């Protein structure tokens, strides 16, 4: 894939420059998440009550999508936080974000960590990697268009497949393997031990089923307007579209999947887009520094920008590090 190896890349020097940035700040996590999730729900209510296609409704919808998107992306941080830490934050995130959006954290926990393993990244076993660069452009278009049915698939996963899996044990194993992961690789099979923090994942699953069942029941009983479901679906589609476009800019996707990559090669196959203030909206929670994240996955999101600046200015030879930096979206 690359002529460069870990020997070429100044890993020790790079680590020395950022080693003091590895500790997450709980206040930043709580303030950032709570502000945006409550802003999202406030925008949702405004959008629901405003006059159809009014300025107020359009503005409320944009705020809803962007705030929900940023809030949902915290699932990525949950996948990386040290085992046993931020337990209450994980609980609150699931209760007011993950479960209402049908993406409880167990869907990403363990699964995403495989994406960072040297022997899995970029291979057929990686659920978050497809060799888009070696495929026809139509494959990327299909991936983005999948966003229109993902919310419906998630509803089906929890509202229909969950209770059925309780009744049919073999089917439950199938649901775990093929319908319990937030990935981009349709052939991904989740192994039984793909769990890192969410050992009580079945409680999240049952809570998500219960939430979906209650909402469906309220709509059927006429106690909740059908417009709530329509707005949830449209907002969810927009969130997934944003995330799919962001995902396409996260890596070069050049590895055909038949061999693993060294850490330095993983880094060089990833993308940093420092961008401008707009970049924060489509690549929130530090994901615009995705290559730096792959270099040091324990760096909390709020320190990635600082780490980026230190590495650019502090490395004795920053030529390889600079190879991942792009000026903007689509400049691979």
Protein backbone atom coordinates (compact mmCIF):
# COMPACT_ATOMS: atom_id res chain seq x y z
CA UNK A 1 0.00 0.00 0.00
CA UNK A 2 2.78 2.37 0.94
CA UNK A 3 6.54 2.41 0.80
CA UNK A 4 6.54 3.89 4.31
CA UNK A 5 6.62 1.85 7.50
CA UNK A 6 6.59 2.46 11.22
CA UNK A 7 10.38 2.73 10.98
CA UNK A 8 10.08 5.76 8.68
CA UNK A 9 7.42 7.51 10.73
CA UNK A 10 8.70 9.34 13.86
CA UNK A 11 6.22 7.65 16.20
CA UNK A 12 8.22 8.04 19.41
CA UNK A 13 8.90 11.70 18.76
CA UNK A 14 5.24 12.27 17.88
CA UNK A 15 4.04 10.56 21.05
CA UNK A 16 6.39 12.63 23.19
CA UNK A 17 4.81 15.77 21.77
CA UNK A 18 1.23 14.77 22.67
CA UNK A 19 1.59 12.40 25.64
CA UNK A 20 0.26 15.02 28.08
CA UNK A 21 -2.98 15.39 26.08
CA UNK A 22 -4.35 11.89 26.63
CA UNK A 23 -6.63 12.62 29.59
CA UNK A 24 -10.27 13.45 28.73
CA UNK A 25 -11.91 16.36 30.51
CA UNK A 26 -15.34 15.27 31.84
CA UNK A 27 -16.59 18.88 32.04
CA UNK A 28 -16.02 19.36 28.33
CA UNK A 29 -17.82 16.11 27.49
CA UNK A 30 -20.83 16.87 29.67
CA UNK A 31 -21.15 20.53 28.65
CA UNK A 32 -20.74 19.85 24.93
CA UNK A 33 -23.08 16.87 24.82
CA UNK A 34 -25.85 18.21 27.06
CA UNK A 35 -25.91 21.59 25.32
CA UNK A 36 -26.26 20.03 21.87
CA UNK A 37 -28.70 17.25 22.71
CA UNK A 38 -31.07 19.68 24.47
CA UNK A 39 -30.63 22.14 21.60
CA UNK A 40 -31.53 19.30 19.24
CA UNK A 41 -34.70 18.38 21.10
CA UNK A 42 -35.66 22.05 21.41
CA UNK A 43 -35.18 22.43 17.66
CA UNK A 44 -37.25 19.29 17.13
CA UNK A 45 -40.19 20.75 19.10
CA UNK A 46 -39.94 24.11 17.31
CA UNK A 47 -39.87 22.37 13.92
CA UNK A 48 -42.88 20.28 14.86
CA UNK A 49 -44.97 23.23 16.02
CA UNK A 50 -43.95 25.88 13.48
CA UNK A 51 -45.93 26.69 10.36
CA UNK A 52 -45.11 24.37 7.48
CA UNK A 53 -42.05 25.57 5.52
CA UNK A 54 -41.82 28.80 7.48
CA UNK A 55 -38.45 30.38 8.22
CA UNK A 56 -38.91 29.33 11.82
CA UNK A 57 -39.48 25.70 10.84
CA UNK A 58 -36.56 25.59 8.39
CA UNK A 59 -34.18 27.12 10.94
CA UNK A 60 -35.49 24.78 13.65
CA UNK A 61 -34.93 21.78 11.39
CA UNK A 62 -31.35 22.77 10.50
CA UNK A 63 -30.57 23.23 14.19
CA UNK A 64 -32.19 19.88 14.98
CA UNK A 65 -30.14 17.97 12.41
CA UNK A 66 -26.79 19.57 13.26
CA UNK A 67 -27.32 19.31 17.03
CA UNK A 68 -28.52 15.69 16.82
CA UNK A 69 -25.61 14.84 14.53
CA UNK A 70 -23.01 16.23 16.92
CA UNK A 71 -24.70 14.54 19.87
CA UNK A 72 -24.86 11.18 18.10
CA UNK A 73 -21.17 11.31 17.13
CA UNK A 74 -20.29 11.07 20.82
CA UNK A 75 -20.84 7.33 20.37
CA UNK A 76 -17.39 7.39 18.76
CA UNK A 77 -15.87 8.83 21.92
CA UNK A 78 -17.70 6.24 24.03
CA UNK A 79 -16.03 3.52 21.99
CA UNK A 80 -12.59 4.89 22.88
CA UNK A 81 -12.89 6.05 26.46
CA UNK A 82 -10.94 3.93 28.92
CA UNK A 83 -12.75 0.82 30.13
CA UNK A 84 -14.88 1.44 33.18
CA UNK A 85 -14.79 5.25 32.92
CA UNK A 86 -17.57 7.73 32.07
CA UNK A 87 -20.22 5.17 33.08
CA UNK A 88 -22.83 7.75 34.03
CA UNK A 89 -22.09 9.75 30.89
CA UNK A 90 -22.64 6.55 28.85
CA UNK A 91 -25.95 5.95 30.62
CA UNK A 92 -27.20 9.50 30.06
CA UNK A 93 -26.04 9.49 26.43
CA UNK A 94 -28.03 6.33 25.79
CA UNK A 95 -31.14 7.56 27.58
CA UNK A 96 -31.51 10.92 25.82
CA UNK A 97 -29.68 10.32 22.55
CA UNK A 98 -28.72 6.76 21.66
CA UNK A 99 -32.03 5.07 22.46
CA UNK A 100 -34.35 7.74 20.96
CA UNK A 101 -32.21 7.68 17.80
CA UNK A 102 -32.17 3.87 17.68
CA UNK A 103 -28.36 3.77 17.96
CA UNK A 104 -27.60 2.56 21.51
CA UNK A 105 -23.88 2.53 22.24
CA UNK A 106 -23.53 -1.26 22.17
CA UNK A 107 -24.01 -1.07 18.39
CA UNK A 108 -20.60 0.61 18.15
CA UNK A 109 -18.81 -0.61 21.26
CA UNK A 110 -16.24 -3.27 20.40
CA UNK A 111 -17.09 -3.07 16.71
CA UNK A 112 -15.29 0.22 16.20
CA UNK A 113 -12.27 -0.86 18.24
CA UNK A 114 -11.58 -3.60 15.70
CA UNK A 115 -11.26 -0.84 13.10
CA UNK A 116 -8.13 0.33 14.93
CA UNK A 117 -6.46 -3.07 15.23
CA UNK A 118 -3.38 -3.51 13.07
CA UNK A 119 -4.39 -6.95 11.80
CA UNK A 120 -7.97 -5.89 10.99
CA UNK A 121 -7.88 -2.29 9.72
CA UNK A 122 -8.58 -2.11 6.01
CA UNK A 123 -9.16 -5.86 5.64
CA UNK A 124 -12.36 -7.77 4.88
CA UNK A 125 -12.84 -8.14 8.66
CA UNK A 126 -13.05 -4.37 9.15
CA UNK A 127 -16.67 -3.29 9.43
CA UNK A 128 -15.78 0.35 8.82
CA UNK A 129 -13.75 0.04 5.66
CA UNK A 130 -14.55 -0.55 2.02
CA UNK A 131 -12.05 -0.09 -0.85
CA UNK A 132 -14.02 2.78 -2.41
CA UNK A 133 -10.92 4.06 -4.24
CA UNK A 134 -10.69 0.80 -6.21
CA UNK A 135 -14.43 0.61 -6.93
CA UNK A 136 -16.69 2.44 -9.34
CA UNK A 137 -18.03 5.82 -8.11
CA UNK A 138 -21.56 4.36 -8.09
CA UNK A 139 -20.60 2.40 -4.95
CA UNK A 140 -20.06 5.63 -3.02
CA UNK A 141 -23.38 6.97 -4.29
CA UNK A 142 -25.13 3.80 -3.17
CA UNK A 143 -23.52 4.10 0.24
CA UNK A 144 -24.84 7.65 0.71
CA UNK A 145 -28.31 6.72 -0.60
CA UNK A 146 -28.49 3.93 1.96
CA UNK A 147 -29.09 6.73 4.47
CA UNK A 148 -32.70 6.89 3.30
CA UNK A 149 -33.51 3.39 4.54
CA UNK A 150 -31.20 3.16 7.56
CA UNK A 151 -33.71 4.74 9.99
CA UNK A 152 -36.35 2.22 8.85
CA UNK A 153 -33.89 -0.66 9.24
CA UNK A 154 -33.06 0.47 12.77
CA UNK A 155 -36.74 0.64 13.70
CA UNK A 156 -37.24 -2.86 12.31
CA UNK A 157 -34.15 -4.07 14.18
CA UNK A 158 -35.47 -3.02 17.57
CA UNK A 159 -39.24 -3.02 17.17
CA UNK A 160 -39.56 -6.32 15.26
CA UNK A 161 -36.35 -8.33 15.35
CA UNK A 162 -35.68 -7.85 19.06
CA UNK A 163 -38.89 -9.53 20.33
CA UNK A 164 -38.62 -12.24 17.65
CA UNK A 165 -35.05 -12.97 18.73
CA UNK A 166 -36.26 -13.49 22.30
CA UNK A 167 -38.55 -16.25 21.08
CA UNK A 168 -36.13 -17.92 18.63
CA UNK A 169 -32.60 -18.45 20.08
CA UNK A 170 -30.91 -19.32 16.75
CA UNK A 171 -32.41 -16.18 15.25
CA UNK A 172 -31.07 -14.16 18.19
CA UNK A 173 -27.54 -15.26 17.34
CA UNK A 174 -28.14 -14.20 13.73
CA UNK A 175 -29.42 -10.79 14.83
CA UNK A 176 -26.29 -10.29 16.92
CA UNK A 177 -23.98 -11.28 14.08
CA UNK A 178 -25.65 -9.41 11.21
CA UNK A 179 -27.93 -6.70 12.66
CA UNK A 180 -26.25 -5.31 15.76
CA UNK A 181 -23.42 -3.17 14.41
CA UNK A 182 -23.06 0.36 13.07
CA UNK A 183 -20.77 -0.36 10.12
CA UNK A 184 -20.40 0.44 6.43
CA UNK A 185 -19.36 -3.05 5.31
CA UNK A 186 -22.56 -5.03 4.53
CA UNK A 187 -20.64 -8.30 4.86
CA UNK A 188 -19.45 -7.58 8.39
CA UNK A 189 -20.16 -10.33 10.90
CA UNK A 190 -20.02 -9.39 14.57
CA UNK A 191 -18.22 -11.97 16.70
CA UNK A 192 -19.67 -12.95 20.10
CA UNK A 193 -16.93 -11.23 22.11
CA UNK A 194 -17.06 -7.90 20.25
CA UNK A 195 -17.87 -6.01 23.45
CA UNK A 196 -15.63 -3.59 25.31
CA UNK A 197 -17.71 -1.56 27.78
CA UNK A 198 -21.36 -2.42 27.15
CA UNK A 199 -21.49 -5.80 28.87
CA UNK A 200 -25.14 -5.13 29.75
CA UNK A 201 -25.94 -4.42 26.12
CA UNK A 202 -29.16 -6.42 26.33
CA UNK A 203 -30.59 -3.77 28.69
CA UNK A 204 -29.89 -1.11 26.04
CA UNK A 205 -31.51 -3.34 23.44
CA UNK A 206 -34.64 -3.89 25.56
CA UNK A 207 -34.85 -0.20 26.44
CA UNK A 208 -34.66 0.74 22.74
CA UNK A 209 -37.37 -1.81 21.90
CA UNK A 210 -39.54 -0.46 24.73
CA UNK A 211 -39.07 3.14 23.57
CA UNK A 212 -39.97 2.25 19.97
CA UNK A 213 -43.00 0.23 21.12
CA UNK A 214 -44.28 3.05 23.35
CA UNK A 215 -43.93 5.65 20.58
CA UNK A 216 -45.68 3.34 18.10
CA UNK A 217 -48.45 2.69 20.61
CA UNK A 218 -48.96 6.39 21.29
CA UNK A 219 -49.21 7.13 17.57
CA UNK A 220 -51.69 4.29 17.01
CA UNK A 221 -53.77 5.48 20.00
CA UNK A 222 -53.82 8.99 18.57
CA UNK A 223 -52.01 10.44 21.59
CA UNK A 224 -48.99 11.37 19.47
CA UNK A 225 -49.23 12.92 16.05
CA UNK A 226 -47.86 10.99 13.08
CA UNK A 227 -45.88 14.12 12.21
CA UNK A 228 -43.49 13.23 15.05
CA UNK A 229 -42.47 10.04 13.26
CA UNK A 230 -42.14 11.82 9.92
CA UNK A 231 -39.92 14.51 11.43
CA UNK A 232 -37.83 11.91 13.28
CA UNK A 233 -37.35 9.97 10.04
CA UNK A 234 -36.39 13.02 7.93
CA UNK A 235 -34.01 14.30 10.61
CA UNK A 236 -32.45 10.85 10.98
CA UNK A 237 -31.96 10.58 7.20
CA UNK A 238 -30.18 13.95 7.16
CA UNK A 239 -27.97 12.91 10.08
CA UNK A 240 -27.02 9.68 8.29
CA UNK A 241 -26.34 11.54 5.03
CA UNK A 242 -24.01 13.94 6.82
CA UNK A 243 -22.25 11.06 8.52
CA UNK A 244 -21.89 9.07 5.29
CA UNK A 245 -20.35 12.06 3.51
CA UNK A 246 -18.03 12.60 6.46
CA UNK A 247 -17.10 8.91 6.44
CA UNK A 248 -16.13 9.08 2.76
CA UNK A 249 -13.64 11.83 3.67
CA UNK A 250 -12.19 9.97 6.67
CA UNK A 251 -9.89 7.62 4.73
CA UNK A 252 -8.34 7.22 1.30
CA UNK A 253 -9.88 3.70 1.12
CA UNK A 254 -7.10 2.42 -1.12
CA UNK A 255 -6.47 -0.93 0.56
CA UNK A 256 -8.20 -3.73 -1.41
CA UNK A 257 -8.76 -5.64 1.83
CA UNK A 258 -6.43 -8.56 1.23
CA UNK A 259 -3.68 -7.50 3.64
CA UNK A 260 -3.26 -5.64 6.93
CA UNK A 261 -1.49 -2.31 7.36
CA UNK A 262 1.13 -1.12 9.83
CA UNK A 263 0.21 1.81 12.12
CA UNK A 264 2.03 4.32 9.94
CA UNK A 265 0.27 2.95 6.85
CA UNK A 266 -3.09 3.25 8.62
CA UNK A 267 -2.27 6.85 9.38
CA UNK A 268 -1.27 7.59 5.78
CA UNK A 269 -4.50 5.98 4.59
CA UNK A 270 -6.46 8.39 6.81
CA UNK A 271 -7.30 12.06 6.33
CA UNK A 272 -6.94 15.26 8.37
CA UNK A 273 -9.10 18.19 7.25
CA UNK A 274 -8.50 21.09 9.69
CA UNK A 275 -10.70 23.21 7.42
CA UNK A 276 -12.56 26.21 8.81
CA UNK A 277 -15.52 26.89 11.07
CA UNK A 278 -17.85 25.06 8.65
CA UNK A 279 -15.81 21.85 8.92
CA UNK A 280 -16.85 21.54 12.56
CA UNK A 281 -20.47 21.06 11.44
CA UNK A 282 -19.92 18.13 9.05
CA UNK A 283 -16.97 16.56 10.95
CA UNK A 284 -17.85 17.26 14.60
CA UNK A 285 -16.33 16.02 17.85
CA UNK A 286 -12.78 16.00 16.52
CA UNK A 287 -13.42 13.87 13.44
CA UNK A 288 -11.86 16.45 11.13
CA UNK A 289 -8.55 15.25 12.62
CA UNK A 290 -9.26 11.63 11.74
CA UNK A 291 -5.73 10.69 10.71
CA UNK A 292 -4.32 12.07 13.97
CA UNK A 293 -6.99 10.08 15.79
CA UNK A 294 -5.81 6.90 14.06
CA UNK A 295 -2.25 7.69 15.07
CA UNK A 296 -3.21 8.16 18.74
CA UNK A 297 -6.71 6.79 19.28
CA UNK A 298 -6.62 7.57 23.03
CA UNK A 299 -6.49 11.31 22.41
CA UNK A 300 -9.81 12.84 23.56
CA UNK A 301 -11.59 14.78 20.86
CA UNK A 302 -11.12 18.15 22.55
CA UNK A 303 -7.31 17.79 22.37
CA UNK A 304 -6.99 16.65 18.76
CA UNK A 305 -6.66 20.16 17.35
CA UNK A 306 -3.92 21.01 19.83
CA UNK A 307 -2.15 17.74 19.04
CA UNK A 308 -2.39 18.52 15.33
CA UNK A 309 -0.69 21.88 15.79
CA UNK A 310 2.06 20.43 17.95
CA UNK A 311 2.84 17.69 15.46
CA UNK A 312 2.88 20.04 12.48
CA UNK A 313 5.18 22.51 14.21
CA UNK A 314 7.15 20.27 16.57
CA UNK A 315 8.27 17.23 14.59
CA UNK A 316 11.87 17.41 13.43
CA UNK A 317 10.67 15.96 10.12
CA UNK A 318 6.94 16.50 9.57
CA UNK A 319 6.90 15.53 5.88
CA UNK A 320 5.07 12.22 6.41
CA UNK A 321 2.67 13.76 8.91
CA UNK A 322 1.71 16.50 6.44
CA UNK A 323 0.81 13.92 3.79
CA UNK A 324 -2.59 13.31 5.42
CA UNK A 325 -3.67 16.95 5.58
CA UNK A 326 -6.23 18.15 3.04
CA UNK A 327 -7.47 21.70 2.53
CA UNK A 328 -11.11 20.75 2.26
CA UNK A 329 -13.69 18.10 1.41
CA UNK A 330 -13.03 16.25 -1.83
CA UNK A 331 -9.34 17.15 -2.09
CA UNK A 332 -8.05 13.60 -1.67
